[in-house]
Amino acid sequence: MIKGLLFDFDGTLIDTMHHFKEIAGKIINEYYSEISFERACELYFETSGLPFEKQIEMIKPNGKYNIIAVKRFE
């Protein structure tokens, strides 16, 4: 009899980081074209582990489009 299930989607069982990095890179580059897609992916990866709203604030402090970018990402 199964008593429970464990779901672990933080990259341990299923590598989702690559997909999230690409989504974040596209969004960041779309709103802040001075940041290349490749650099945006790197910055996302460097700040991973934080909520995206904190990541985008580190990447683009007080950025005009941060709130919109967060809503799109989430």
Protein backbone atom coordinates (compact mmCIF):
# COMPACT_ATOMS: atom_id res chain seq x y z
CA MET A 1 0.00 0.00 0.00
CA ILE A 2 1.33 3.45 -0.95
CA LYS A 3 1.32 5.78 2.04
CA GLY A 4 2.69 8.89 0.39
CA LEU A 5 4.33 10.43 -2.59
CA LEU A 6 7.30 12.73 -2.75
CA PHE A 7 7.46 15.41 -5.41
CA ASP A 8 10.82 17.04 -5.86
CA PHE A 9 10.86 19.51 -8.76
CA ASP A 10 13.70 21.76 -7.67
CA GLY A 11 16.08 20.24 -10.17
CA THR A 12 17.03 17.10 -8.27
CA LEU A 13 14.81 14.62 -10.06
CA ILE A 14 13.91 16.72 -13.07
CA ASP A 15 16.30 19.37 -14.37
CA THR A 16 14.02 22.40 -14.75
CA MET A 17 16.73 25.02 -14.23
CA HIS A 18 17.63 25.15 -17.93
CA HIS A 19 14.03 25.91 -18.91
CA PHE A 20 13.53 28.54 -16.23
CA LYS A 21 16.84 30.15 -17.20
CA GLU A 22 15.71 30.46 -20.82
CA ILE A 23 12.32 31.90 -19.86
CA ALA A 24 13.94 34.42 -17.52
CA GLY A 25 16.56 35.30 -20.14
CA LYS A 26 13.89 36.03 -22.75
CA ILE A 27 11.84 38.16 -20.37
CA ILE A 28 14.81 40.13 -19.06
CA ASN A 29 16.12 40.75 -22.58
CA GLU A 30 12.67 41.74 -23.82
CA TYR A 31 12.23 44.46 -21.19
CA TYR A 32 15.90 45.44 -20.89
CA SER A 33 17.34 45.06 -24.38
CA GLU A 34 20.73 46.37 -23.24
CA ILE A 35 21.13 43.02 -21.45
CA SER A 36 21.70 40.30 -24.03
CA PHE A 37 19.74 37.08 -23.81
CA GLU A 38 22.94 35.18 -22.99
CA ARG A 39 23.91 37.61 -20.23
CA ALA A 40 20.37 37.61 -18.85
CA CYS A 41 20.53 33.81 -18.60
CA GLU A 42 23.86 34.06 -16.77
CA LEU A 43 22.49 36.67 -14.35
CA TYR A 44 19.42 34.56 -13.65
CA PHE A 45 21.61 31.56 -12.91
CA GLU A 46 23.97 33.61 -10.71
CA THR A 47 21.06 34.84 -8.59
CA SER A 48 19.13 31.55 -8.50
CA GLY A 49 17.76 30.42 -5.18
CA LEU A 50 15.98 33.72 -4.63
CA PRO A 51 12.43 34.60 -5.63
CA PHE A 52 12.39 36.09 -9.13
CA GLU A 53 11.25 39.46 -7.79
CA LYS A 54 14.47 39.67 -5.78
CA GLN A 55 16.55 38.36 -8.67
CA ILE A 56 15.26 40.98 -11.11
CA GLU A 57 15.85 43.69 -8.52
CA MET A 58 19.47 42.56 -8.20
CA ILE A 59 19.84 42.39 -11.97
CA LYS A 60 18.13 45.72 -12.67
CA PRO A 61 17.74 47.74 -9.43
CA ASN A 62 14.58 49.88 -9.48
CA GLY A 63 14.01 48.85 -13.08
CA LYS A 64 11.01 50.41 -14.77
CA TYR A 65 9.70 47.03 -15.97
CA ASN A 66 10.57 44.83 -12.99
CA ILE A 67 6.99 44.35 -11.76
CA ILE A 68 5.75 43.42 -15.23
CA ALA A 69 8.70 41.07 -15.78
CA VAL A 70 7.98 39.30 -12.49
CA LYS A 71 4.31 38.84 -13.34
CA ARG A 72 5.20 37.38 -16.73
CA PHE A 73 7.81 35.04 -15.28
CA GLU A 74 5.51 33.76 -12.54
